[in-house]
C-alpha atoms as a PDB file:
ATOM      1  CA  MET A   1      17.570  18.939  24.152  1.00  0.00           C
ATOM      2  CA  SER A   2      19.729  19.613  27.176  1.00  0.00           C
ATOM      3  CA  GLU A   3      23.162  21.123  26.466  1.00  0.00           C
ATOM      4  CA  GLU A   4      24.883  18.318  28.415  1.00  0.00           C
ATOM      5  CA  LYS A   5      23.787  15.853  25.735  1.00  0.00           C
ATOM      6  CA  ALA A   6      25.016  17.836  22.810  1.00  0.00           C
ATOM      7  CA  SER A   7      28.414  16.938  21.169  1.00  0.00           C
ATOM      8  CA  LEU A   8      28.768  20.621  20.211  1.00  0.00           C
ATOM      9  CA  VAL A   9      27.106  23.902  21.154  1.00  0.00           C
ATOM     10  CA  VAL A  10      27.714  27.141  19.125  1.00  0.00           C
ATOM     11  CA  ASP A  11      26.186  29.974  21.244  1.00  0.00           C
ATOM     12  CA  SER A  12      25.985  33.483  19.884  1.00  0.00           C
ATOM     13  CA  VAL A  13      29.220  33.226  18.055  1.00  0.00           C
ATOM     14  CA  THR A  14      30.529  36.202  16.032  1.00  0.00           C
ATOM     15  CA  LYS A  15      33.844  36.597  14.211  1.00  0.00           C
ATOM     16  CA  ARG A  16      35.281  39.484  12.517  1.00  0.00           C
ATOM     17  CA  PHE A  17      38.300  40.262  10.407  1.00  0.00           C
ATOM     18  CA  ASP A  18      38.810  44.068  10.455  1.00  0.00           C
ATOM     19  CA  ASP A  19      35.542  45.573   9.222  1.00  0.00           C
ATOM     20  CA  PHE A  20      34.434  42.271   7.639  1.00  0.00           C
ATOM     21  CA  THR A  21      32.015  40.092   9.707  1.00  0.00           C
ATOM     22  CA  ALA A  22      32.575  36.390   8.700  1.00  0.00           C
ATOM     23  CA  VAL A  23      30.097  34.941  11.277  1.00  0.00           C
ATOM     24  CA  ASP A  24      27.407  36.916  12.936  1.00  0.00           C
ATOM     25  CA  GLY A  25      25.732  35.655  16.092  1.00  0.00           C
ATOM     26  CA  LEU A  26      25.554  32.054  15.060  1.00  0.00           C
ATOM     27  CA  ASN A  27      23.523  29.680  17.181  1.00  0.00           C
ATOM     28  CA  PHE A  28      23.130  25.850  16.692  1.00  0.00           C
ATOM     29  CA  GLU A  29      23.723  22.592  18.468  1.00  0.00           C
ATOM     30  CA  VAL A  30      24.897  19.078  17.054  1.00  0.00           C
ATOM     31  CA  ARG A  31      23.578  16.032  18.663  1.00  0.00           C
ATOM     32  CA  PRO A  32      25.592  12.832  19.141  1.00  0.00           C
ATOM     33  CA  GLY A  33      25.287  10.077  16.723  1.00  0.00           C
ATOM     34  CA  ARG A  34      23.677  12.388  13.928  1.00  0.00           C
ATOM     35  CA  VAL A  35      25.150  13.683  10.556  1.00  0.00           C
ATOM     36  CA  PHE A  36      24.912  17.390  10.748  1.00  0.00           C
ATOM     37  CA  GLY A  37      24.998  19.418   7.467  1.00  0.00           C
ATOM     38  CA  PHE A  38      26.732  22.881   7.663  1.00  0.00           C
ATOM     39  CA  LEU A  39      25.363  24.275   4.410  1.00  0.00           C
ATOM     40  CA  GLY A  40      25.623  27.498   2.324  1.00  0.00           C
ATOM     41  CA  PRO A  41      27.298  29.190  -0.671  1.00  0.00           C
ATOM     42  CA  ASN A  42      30.934  29.596  -0.907  1.00  0.00           C
ATOM     43  CA  GLY A  43      31.901  32.537   1.462  1.00  0.00           C
ATOM     44  CA  ALA A  44      28.951  32.198   3.708  1.00  0.00           C
ATOM     45  CA  GLY A  45      31.144  31.710   6.861  1.00  0.00           C
ATOM     46  CA  LYS A  46      31.295  27.791   7.086  1.00  0.00           C
ATOM     47  CA  THR A  47      34.982  27.481   7.117  1.00  0.00           C
ATOM     48  CA  THR A  48      35.419  30.225   9.545  1.00  0.00           C
ATOM     49  CA  THR A  49      32.925  28.552  11.939  1.00  0.00           C
ATOM     50  CA  ILE A  50      34.779  25.236  11.633  1.00  0.00           C
ATOM     51  CA  ARG A  51      37.981  26.868  12.333  1.00  0.00           C
ATOM     52  CA  MET A  52      36.656  28.319  15.459  1.00  0.00           C
ATOM     53  CA  ILE A  53      35.229  24.858  16.532  1.00  0.00           C
ATOM     54  CA  VAL A  54      38.576  23.084  16.182  1.00  0.00           C
ATOM     55  CA  GLY A  55      40.443  25.911  18.170  1.00  0.00           C
ATOM     56  CA  ILE A  56      42.462  27.329  15.194  1.00  0.00           C
ATOM     57  CA  THR A  57      40.974  30.828  15.906  1.00  0.00           C
ATOM     58  CA  ALA A  58      38.740  32.107  18.552  1.00  0.00           C
ATOM     59  CA  PRO A  59      35.357  33.956  18.437  1.00  0.00           C
ATOM     60  CA  ASP A  60      35.266  37.629  19.199  1.00  0.00           C
ATOM     61  CA  SER A  61      32.175  37.082  21.186  1.00  0.00           C
ATOM     62  CA  GLY A  62      29.926  34.082  22.104  1.00  0.00           C
ATOM     63  CA  GLU A  63      31.056  30.544  23.125  1.00  0.00           C
ATOM     64  CA  ILE A  64      31.674  27.233  21.857  1.00  0.00           C
ATOM     65  CA  ARG A  65      31.406  24.049  23.812  1.00  0.00           C
ATOM     66  CA  LEU A  66      32.404  20.606  22.805  1.00  0.00           C
ATOM     67  CA  PHE A  67      31.175  17.596  24.894  1.00  0.00           C
ATOM     68  CA  GLY A  68      30.043  20.159  27.503  1.00  0.00           C
ATOM     69  CA  GLU A  69      33.444  21.807  27.758  1.00  0.00           C
ATOM     70  CA  LYS A  70      35.055  25.092  26.416  1.00  0.00           C
ATOM     71  CA  VAL A  71      37.161  24.442  23.251  1.00  0.00           C
ATOM     72  CA  GLY A  72      40.749  23.429  24.433  1.00  0.00           C
ATOM     73  CA  PRO A  73      43.388  20.860  24.294  1.00  0.00           C
ATOM     74  CA  ASN A  74      41.581  18.554  26.662  1.00  0.00           C
ATOM     75  CA  VAL A  75      38.873  17.815  23.965  1.00  0.00           C
ATOM     76  CA  GLN A  76      40.881  18.164  20.785  1.00  0.00           C
ATOM     77  CA  ASP A  77      41.767  14.533  20.619  1.00  0.00           C
ATOM     78  CA  ARG A  78      38.153  13.640  20.383  1.00  0.00           C
ATOM     79  CA  ILE A  79      37.891  15.637  17.136  1.00  0.00           C
ATOM     80  CA  GLY A  80      38.816  14.398  13.743  1.00  0.00           C
ATOM     81  CA  TYR A  81      39.290  17.446  11.227  1.00  0.00           C
ATOM     82  CA  LEU A  82      39.478  17.200   7.555  1.00  0.00           C
ATOM     83  CA  PRO A  83      40.063  20.847   6.242  1.00  0.00           C
ATOM     84  CA  GLU A  84      39.043  22.119   2.831  1.00  0.00           C
ATOM     85  CA  GLU A  85      42.742  22.873   2.151  1.00  0.00           C
ATOM     86  CA  ARG A  86      44.513  19.439   2.010  1.00  0.00           C
ATOM     87  CA  GLY A  87      48.037  18.879   3.250  1.00  0.00           C
ATOM     88  CA  LEU A  88      50.057  15.797   2.587  1.00  0.00           C
ATOM     89  CA  TYR A  89      53.927  15.518   2.404  1.00  0.00           C
ATOM     90  CA  LYS A  90      54.653  14.898  -1.249  1.00  0.00           C
ATOM     91  CA  LYS A  91      57.722  12.946  -0.911  1.00  0.00           C
ATOM     92  CA  MET A  92      56.842  10.801   2.126  1.00  0.00           C
ATOM     93  CA  LYS A  93      55.302   7.249   1.739  1.00  0.00           C
ATOM     94  CA  VAL A  94      51.758   6.868   2.439  1.00  0.00           C
ATOM     95  CA  VAL A  95      52.402   4.511   5.382  1.00  0.00           C
ATOM     96  CA  ASP A  96      54.895   6.789   7.013  1.00  0.00           C
ATOM     97  CA  GLN A  97      52.550   9.718   6.749  1.00  0.00           C
ATOM     98  CA  LEU A  98      49.689   7.884   8.280  1.00  0.00           C
ATOM     99  CA  ARG A  99      51.874   6.633  11.179  1.00  0.00           C
ATOM    100  CA  TYR A 100      53.001  10.260  11.636  1.00  0.00           C
ATOM    101  CA  PHE A 101      49.423  11.704  11.735  1.00  0.00           C
ATOM    102  CA  ALA A 102      48.422   8.807  14.098  1.00  0.00           C
ATOM    103  CA  ALA A 103      51.203   9.541  16.484  1.00  0.00           C
ATOM    104  CA  LEU A 104      50.208  13.057  16.738  1.00  0.00           C
ATOM    105  CA  LYS A 105      46.817  11.779  18.195  1.00  0.00           C
ATOM    106  CA  GLY A 106      48.544   9.356  20.543  1.00  0.00           C
ATOM    107  CA  VAL A 107      48.090   6.166  18.342  1.00  0.00           C
ATOM    108  CA  THR A 108      51.406   4.377  17.939  1.00  0.00           C
ATOM    109  CA  GLY A 109      53.052   1.083  17.208  1.00  0.00           C
ATOM    110  CA  SER A 110      51.123  -2.139  16.379  1.00  0.00           C
ATOM    111  CA  ASP A 111      47.846  -0.411  17.103  1.00  0.00           C
ATOM    112  CA  ALA A 112      48.492   2.311  14.504  1.00  0.00           C
ATOM    113  CA  ASP A 113      49.618  -0.323  11.931  1.00  0.00           C
ATOM    114  CA  ARG A 114      46.547  -2.350  12.378  1.00  0.00           C
ATOM    115  CA  ARG A 115      44.274   0.602  11.951  1.00  0.00           C
ATOM    116  CA  ILE A 116      46.238   1.876   8.870  1.00  0.00           C
ATOM    117  CA  ASP A 117      45.987  -1.543   7.269  1.00  0.00           C
ATOM    118  CA  ARG A 118      42.278  -1.806   7.820  1.00  0.00           C
ATOM    119  CA  TRP A 119      41.502   1.685   6.452  1.00  0.00           C
ATOM    120  CA  LEU A 120      43.779   1.198   3.423  1.00  0.00           C
ATOM    121  CA  GLU A 121      42.061  -1.975   2.668  1.00  0.00           C
ATOM    122  CA  ARG A 122      38.616  -0.298   3.219  1.00  0.00           C
ATOM    123  CA  MET A 123      39.519   2.478   0.857  1.00  0.00           C
ATOM    124  CA  ASN A 124      40.847   0.094  -1.862  1.00  0.00           C
ATOM    125  CA  LEU A 125      44.414   1.550  -1.378  1.00  0.00           C
ATOM    126  CA  ALA A 126      46.280  -1.342   0.201  1.00  0.00           C
ATOM    127  CA  GLU A 127      48.665  -1.738  -2.843  1.00  0.00           C
ATOM    128  CA  TRP A 128      49.558   2.001  -2.631  1.00  0.00           C
ATOM    129  CA  LYS A 129      50.858   1.727   1.027  1.00  0.00           C
ATOM    130  CA  SER A 130      54.506   2.168   0.127  1.00  0.00           C
ATOM    131  CA  LYS A 131      54.008   4.773  -2.662  1.00  0.00           C
ATOM    132  CA  LYS A 132      54.692   8.518  -2.235  1.00  0.00           C
ATOM    133  CA  THR A 133      52.054  11.159  -2.369  1.00  0.00           C
ATOM    134  CA  THR A 134      53.198  12.258  -5.873  1.00  0.00           C
ATOM    135  CA  ASP A 135      52.374   8.769  -7.242  1.00  0.00           C
ATOM    136  CA  LEU A 136      48.769   9.145  -6.188  1.00  0.00           C
ATOM    137  CA  SER A 137      45.832  10.747  -8.041  1.00  0.00           C
ATOM    138  CA  LYS A 138      44.049  13.637  -6.530  1.00  0.00           C
ATOM    139  CA  GLY A 139      41.183  11.347  -5.353  1.00  0.00           C
ATOM    140  CA  MET A 140      43.569   8.795  -3.829  1.00  0.00           C
ATOM    141  CA  GLN A 141      45.175  11.715  -1.974  1.00  0.00           C
ATOM    142  CA  GLN A 142      41.865  12.792  -0.701  1.00  0.00           C
ATOM    143  CA  LYS A 143      41.235   9.180   0.678  1.00  0.00           C
ATOM    144  CA  ILE A 144      44.659   9.126   2.444  1.00  0.00           C
ATOM    145  CA  GLN A 145      43.794  12.603   4.022  1.00  0.00           C
ATOM    146  CA  PHE A 146      40.459  11.226   5.144  1.00  0.00           C
ATOM    147  CA  ILE A 147      42.229   8.209   6.725  1.00  0.00           C
ATOM    148  CA  SER A 148      44.570  10.427   8.540  1.00  0.00           C
ATOM    149  CA  THR A 149      41.542  12.133   9.969  1.00  0.00           C
ATOM    150  CA  VAL A 150      39.971   9.023  11.522  1.00  0.00           C
ATOM    151  CA  LEU A 151      42.732   6.800  12.553  1.00  0.00           C
ATOM    152  CA  HIS A 152      42.430   7.943  16.220  1.00  0.00           C
ATOM    153  CA  GLU A 153      38.848   7.083  16.106  1.00  0.00           C
ATOM    154  CA  PRO A 154      37.358  10.394  17.035  1.00  0.00           C
ATOM    155  CA  ASP A 155      33.978  10.823  18.687  1.00  0.00           C
ATOM    156  CA  LEU A 156      33.320  14.044  16.324  1.00  0.00           C
ATOM    157  CA  LEU A 157      34.363  14.148  12.713  1.00  0.00           C
ATOM    158  CA  ILE A 158      34.430  17.380  10.997  1.00  0.00           C
ATOM    159  CA  LEU A 159      34.747  17.468   7.192  1.00  0.00           C
ATOM    160  CA  ASP A 160      35.134  20.748   5.333  1.00  0.00           C
ATOM    161  CA  GLU A 161      34.029  20.141   1.591  1.00  0.00           C
ATOM    162  CA  PRO A 162      34.951  16.462   1.891  1.00  0.00           C
ATOM    163  CA  PHE A 163      33.880  15.589  -1.748  1.00  0.00           C
ATOM    164  CA  SER A 164      36.052  18.245  -3.390  1.00  0.00           C
ATOM    165  CA  GLY A 165      38.228  16.627  -5.916  1.00  0.00           C
ATOM    166  CA  LEU A 166      36.522  13.285  -6.000  1.00  0.00           C
ATOM    167  CA  ASP A 167      34.867  11.838  -9.210  1.00  0.00           C
ATOM    168  CA  PRO A 168      31.225  10.619  -8.994  1.00  0.00           C
ATOM    169  CA  VAL A 169      32.070   7.089  -8.220  1.00  0.00           C
ATOM    170  CA  ASN A 170      34.435   8.046  -5.248  1.00  0.00           C
ATOM    171  CA  VAL A 171      31.807  10.460  -4.009  1.00  0.00           C
ATOM    172  CA  GLU A 172      29.296   7.556  -3.723  1.00  0.00           C
ATOM    173  CA  PHE A 173      32.057   5.474  -1.978  1.00  0.00           C
ATOM    174  CA  MET A 174      32.674   8.101   0.574  1.00  0.00           C
ATOM    175  CA  ILE A 175      28.964   8.534   1.127  1.00  0.00           C
ATOM    176  CA  ASP A 176      28.897   4.911   2.067  1.00  0.00           C
ATOM    177  CA  VAL A 177      31.946   5.210   4.328  1.00  0.00           C
ATOM    178  CA  LEU A 178      30.404   8.185   6.345  1.00  0.00           C
ATOM    179  CA  SER A 179      27.259   6.105   6.594  1.00  0.00           C
ATOM    180  CA  GLU A 180      29.170   3.468   8.335  1.00  0.00           C
ATOM    181  CA  PHE A 181      30.852   5.923  10.526  1.00  0.00           C
ATOM    182  CA  ARG A 182      27.425   7.280  11.511  1.00  0.00           C
ATOM    183  CA  GLN A 183      26.246   3.782  12.370  1.00  0.00           C
ATOM    184  CA  ASN A 184      28.952   3.455  14.936  1.00  0.00           C
ATOM    185  CA  GLU A 185      27.358   6.212  16.981  1.00  0.00           C
ATOM    186  CA  LYS A 186      29.867   8.861  15.927  1.00  0.00           C
ATOM    187  CA  THR A 187      28.950  12.444  15.252  1.00  0.00           C
ATOM    188  CA  VAL A 188      29.583  13.952  11.862  1.00  0.00           C
ATOM    189  CA  ILE A 189      29.553  17.547  10.712  1.00  0.00           C
ATOM    190  CA  PHE A 190      30.337  18.192   7.250  1.00  0.00           C
ATOM    191  CA  SER A 191      30.304  21.595   5.329  1.00  0.00           C
ATOM    192  CA  THR A 192      29.363  21.682   1.753  1.00  0.00           C
ATOM    193  CA  HIS A 193      27.620  23.648  -0.915  1.00  0.00           C
ATOM    194  CA  LEU A 194      26.327  20.361  -2.594  1.00  0.00           C
ATOM    195  CA  MET A 195      22.720  20.307  -1.471  1.00  0.00           C
ATOM    196  CA  GLU A 196      21.703  17.020  -3.065  1.00  0.00           C
ATOM    197  CA  THR A 197      24.474  15.308  -1.259  1.00  0.00           C
ATOM    198  CA  ALA A 198      23.603  16.826   2.001  1.00  0.00           C
ATOM    199  CA  GLU A 199      19.979  15.583   1.596  1.00  0.00           C
ATOM    200  CA  ARG A 200      21.185  11.979   1.288  1.00  0.00           C
ATOM    201  CA  LEU A 201      23.342  12.152   4.386  1.00  0.00           C
ATOM    202  CA  CYS A 202      22.044  14.517   6.903  1.00  0.00           C
ATOM    203  CA  HIS A 203      19.720  14.169   9.901  1.00  0.00           C
ATOM    204  CA  ASP A 204      19.958  17.885  10.954  1.00  0.00           C
ATOM    205  CA  ILE A 205      21.131  20.971   8.937  1.00  0.00           C
ATOM    206  CA  ILE A 206      21.928  24.644   9.161  1.00  0.00           C
ATOM    207  CA  LEU A 207      21.833  26.795   6.152  1.00  0.00           C
ATOM    208  CA  ILE A 208      23.773  30.138   6.435  1.00  0.00           C
ATOM    209  CA  ASN A 209      24.299  32.999   4.017  1.00  0.00           C
ATOM    210  CA  LYS A 210      26.339  36.162   4.398  1.00  0.00           C
ATOM    211  CA  SER A 211      27.601  35.036   7.785  1.00  0.00           C
ATOM    212  CA  LYS A 212      24.104  34.433   9.348  1.00  0.00           C
ATOM    213  CA  LYS A 213      21.867  31.516   9.988  1.00  0.00           C
ATOM    214  CA  VAL A 214      18.986  31.242   7.364  1.00  0.00           C
ATOM    215  CA  VAL A 215      17.173  28.210   8.649  1.00  0.00           C
ATOM    216  CA  GLY A 216      18.131  25.119  10.888  1.00  0.00           C
ATOM    217  CA  GLY A 217      16.823  21.912  12.452  1.00  0.00           C
ATOM    218  CA  SER A 218      16.054  18.428  11.482  1.00  0.00           C
ATOM    219  CA  LEU A 219      15.977  17.722   7.722  1.00  0.00           C
ATOM    220  CA  ARG A 220      12.531  16.561   7.908  1.00  0.00           C
ATOM    221  CA  GLU A 221      11.290  19.529   9.928  1.00  0.00           C
ATOM    222  CA  VAL A 222      12.976  22.065   7.564  1.00  0.00           C
ATOM    223  CA  LYS A 223      11.291  20.439   4.658  1.00  0.00           C
ATOM    224  CA  GLU A 224       8.029  20.258   6.067  1.00  0.00           C
ATOM    225  CA  SER A 225       8.051  23.932   7.268  1.00  0.00           C
ATOM    226  CA  TYR A 226       8.944  25.154   3.772  1.00  0.00           C
ATOM    227  CA  GLY A 227       6.862  22.598   1.817  1.00  0.00           C
ATOM    228  CA  LYS A 228       4.605  24.013  -0.921  1.00  0.00           C
ATOM    229  CA  ASN A 229       1.410  22.131  -1.992  1.00  0.00           C
ATOM    230  CA  VAL A 230       2.741  20.929  -5.292  1.00  0.00           C
ATOM    231  CA  ILE A 231       1.560  18.144  -7.224  1.00  0.00           C
ATOM    232  CA  ALA A 232       3.381  16.278 -10.102  1.00  0.00           C
ATOM    233  CA  LEU A 233       0.982  15.046 -12.711  1.00  0.00           C
ATOM    234  CA  ARG A 234       1.353  12.816 -15.698  1.00  0.00           C
ATOM    235  CA  GLY A 235      -1.407  11.506 -17.957  1.00  0.00           C
ATOM    236  CA  SER A 236      -4.096  12.878 -20.392  1.00  0.00           C
ATOM    237  CA  GLY A 237      -7.577  14.147 -20.488  1.00  0.00           C
ATOM    238  CA  PHE A 238      -7.113  16.889 -17.751  1.00  0.00           C
ATOM    239  CA  GLY A 239      -9.125  19.378 -19.734  1.00  0.00           C
ATOM    240  CA  GLU A 240      -9.995  22.708 -17.980  1.00  0.00           C
ATOM    241  CA  ILE A 241      -9.632  21.408 -14.431  1.00  0.00           C
ATOM    242  CA  LEU A 242      -6.126  22.564 -14.141  1.00  0.00           C
ATOM    243  CA  ASN A 243      -7.156  26.006 -15.063  1.00  0.00           C
ATOM    244  CA  ASP A 244      -9.712  26.210 -12.046  1.00  0.00           C
ATOM    245  CA  ALA A 245      -8.073  28.857  -9.828  1.00  0.00           C
ATOM    246  CA  SER A 246      -9.857  27.547  -6.771  1.00  0.00           C
ATOM    247  CA  LEU A 247      -7.679  24.439  -7.014  1.00  0.00           C
ATOM    248  CA  VAL A 248      -4.653  25.387  -8.988  1.00  0.00           C
ATOM    249  CA  ALA A 249      -2.525  28.617  -8.284  1.00  0.00           C
ATOM    250  CA  LYS A 250       0.168  27.796 -10.820  1.00  0.00           C
ATOM    251  CA  ARG A 251       0.971  25.124 -13.468  1.00  0.00           C
ATOM    252  CA  THR A 252       4.343  24.388 -15.082  1.00  0.00           C
ATOM    253  CA  GLU A 253       4.693  22.213 -18.100  1.00  0.00           C
ATOM    254  CA  HIS A 254       7.663  19.930 -18.296  1.00  0.00           C
ATOM    255  CA  ALA A 255       8.624  17.580 -20.964  1.00  0.00           C
ATOM    256  CA  ASP A 256       6.690  14.482 -19.724  1.00  0.00           C
ATOM    257  CA  GLU A 257       4.550  15.796 -16.875  1.00  0.00           C
ATOM    258  CA  ILE A 258       2.901  18.909 -15.469  1.00  0.00           C
ATOM    259  CA  GLU A 259       3.768  20.385 -11.987  1.00  0.00           C
ATOM    260  CA  VAL A 260       0.741  22.255 -10.270  1.00  0.00           C
ATOM    261  CA  GLU A 261       0.885  24.388  -7.119  1.00  0.00           C
ATOM    262  CA  LEU A 262      -2.342  24.230  -5.435  1.00  0.00           C
ATOM    263  CA  THR A 263      -4.183  27.286  -4.195  1.00  0.00           C
ATOM    264  CA  ASP A 264      -3.899  28.001  -0.558  1.00  0.00           C
ATOM    265  CA  GLY A 265      -6.503  25.847   1.235  1.00  0.00           C
ATOM    266  CA  ALA A 266      -6.991  23.485  -1.726  1.00  0.00           C
ATOM    267  CA  ASP A 267      -6.670  19.749  -1.102  1.00  0.00           C
ATOM    268  CA  GLY A 268      -4.763  17.557  -3.466  1.00  0.00           C
ATOM    269  CA  GLN A 269      -7.289  14.771  -2.910  1.00  0.00           C
ATOM    270  CA  ALA A 270     -10.007  16.992  -4.233  1.00  0.00           C
ATOM    271  CA  LEU A 271      -7.996  17.688  -7.437  1.00  0.00           C
ATOM    272  CA  LEU A 272      -7.440  13.945  -7.829  1.00  0.00           C
ATOM    273  CA  LYS A 273     -11.154  13.208  -7.477  1.00  0.00           C
ATOM    274  CA  ARG A 274     -12.094  15.950  -9.897  1.00  0.00           C
ATOM    275  CA  LEU A 275      -9.731  14.425 -12.555  1.00  0.00           C
ATOM    276  CA  VAL A 276     -11.003  10.823 -12.122  1.00  0.00           C
ATOM    277  CA  ALA A 277     -14.552  11.957 -12.212  1.00  0.00           C
ATOM    278  CA  ALA A 278     -13.846  13.696 -15.466  1.00  0.00           C
ATOM    279  CA  GLY A 279     -12.439  10.579 -16.998  1.00  0.00           C
ATOM    280  CA  ALA A 280      -8.833  11.691 -17.014  1.00  0.00           C
ATOM    281  CA  ASN A 281      -6.163   9.112 -17.526  1.00  0.00           C
ATOM    282  CA  VAL A 282      -3.904   9.819 -14.453  1.00  0.00           C
ATOM    283  CA  THR A 283      -0.556   7.792 -14.368  1.00  0.00           C
ATOM    284  CA  LYS A 284       1.200   9.875 -11.923  1.00  0.00           C
ATOM    285  CA  PHE A 285      -0.180  12.042  -8.924  1.00  0.00           C
ATOM    286  CA  GLU A 286       2.701  12.684  -6.644  1.00  0.00           C
ATOM    287  CA  GLN A 287       3.117  15.421  -3.893  1.00  0.00           C
ATOM    288  CA  VAL A 288       6.575  17.187  -4.664  1.00  0.00           C
ATOM    289  CA  GLU A 289       8.747  17.508  -1.703  1.00  0.00           C
ATOM    290  CA  PRO A 290      11.004  20.805  -1.700  1.00  0.00           C
ATOM    291  CA  SER A 291      14.651  20.179  -2.102  1.00  0.00           C
ATOM    292  CA  LEU A 292      17.273  22.099   0.036  1.00  0.00           C
ATOM    293  CA  ASN A 293      18.322  23.933  -3.069  1.00  0.00           C
ATOM    294  CA  ASP A 294      14.712  25.172  -3.479  1.00  0.00           C
ATOM    295  CA  ILE A 295      14.382  25.928   0.253  1.00  0.00           C
ATOM    296  CA  PHE A 296      17.716  28.014   0.226  1.00  0.00           C
ATOM    297  CA  ILE A 297      16.803  30.041  -2.766  1.00  0.00           C
ATOM    298  CA  GLU A 298      13.345  30.754  -1.527  1.00  0.00           C
ATOM    299  CA  ARG A 299      14.423  31.557   1.991  1.00  0.00           C
ATOM    300  CA  ILE A 300      17.137  34.248   1.087  1.00  0.00           C
ATOM    301  CA  GLY A 301      14.829  35.720  -1.362  1.00  0.00           C
ATOM    302  CA  GLU A 302      16.832  35.227  -4.476  1.00  0.00           C
ATOM    303  CA  ALA A 303      14.374  37.214  -6.687  1.00  0.00           C
ATOM    304  CA  ASN A 304      15.159  40.413  -4.698  1.00  0.00           C
ATOM    305  CA  LEU A 305      18.881  40.128  -5.170  1.00  0.00           C
ATOM    306  CA  PRO A 306      20.925  41.861  -7.883  1.00  0.00           C
ATOM    307  CA  GLU A 307      21.443  39.642 -11.103  1.00  0.00           C
ATOM    308  CA  SER A 308      25.207  39.088 -10.328  1.00  0.00           C
ATOM    309  CA  GLU A 309      24.434  37.801  -6.750  1.00  0.00           C
ATOM    310  CA  ARG A 310      21.638  35.588  -8.035  1.00  0.00           C
ATOM    311  CA  ASN A 311      23.967  33.993 -10.597  1.00  0.00           C
ATOM    312  CA  GLU A 312      26.585  33.358  -7.865  1.00  0.00           C
ATOM    313  CA  ILE A 313      24.181  31.567  -5.551  1.00  0.00           C
ATOM    314  CA  SER A 314      22.785  29.398  -8.265  1.00  0.00           C
ATOM    315  CA  GLU A 315      26.209  28.259  -9.155  1.00  0.00           C
ATOM    316  CA  THR A 316      27.560  27.656  -5.725  1.00  0.00           C
ATOM    317  CA  ILE A 317      24.753  25.617  -4.457  1.00  0.00           C
ATOM    318  CA  LYS A 318      24.404  23.184  -7.348  1.00  0.00           C
END
């Protein structure tokens, strides 16, 4: 893809704080009209990278380009940024806060009021319009913060851990809202350690760990490149076929099914034919696609890490 068509280009970017390297030679591009997942465990360097993208801090080396230009005031109004650390004025009414945030991005008067009313209605918060922040639940405050991020109708929406503090119902609601945003040909970048949510939303991803890129590309390409030949089986009468090392390298018994990893070069269809020919009752035969969680753990070599670090990674990417 040519750089001119990219909404964002991060080119060999490094950021250090004294002797600590927070981001190390990071490279990636974000295409317009796509949802881009910026993924990895807590402390991997995601927030630092986002802060450089929006101009809060600058890289020590490398370059960031937004819409073909260097990061600067001339492109800032095309960005909507929801930081991980939220910030609403506790004693101010919701509508007054939203008018204020809209004005900061050049949206005022009846245009701002119209957008505010539309978004409050969409978020099921219309009746809270004249309430103060302290009257709202944490989830409601999160929604108000999101509204403040999109009132100026940005071309690029950057969300840092957008589902933090939301209950499962509101997580589903926000996923629907972001899907609508994507359908309007806007570009969305969101940073998260919730891999299952990323799988539902993202066209493209980058996985980072310890300040460095681990893997990146379209979600489909990443999954296909790391896919193991694994089959989920359910039924009976499999006999000794699953013990044939020429077909099955590994088998794992679950409560109601068996997961088998085929031997390199083995064909799943050959296994199925053997089972059918032997008279097995096969009620499920499904190729298992690797999850982002599986890919991440495999790619960083979790098995070779100290136990304390393995536990930390397992917890932060659930």
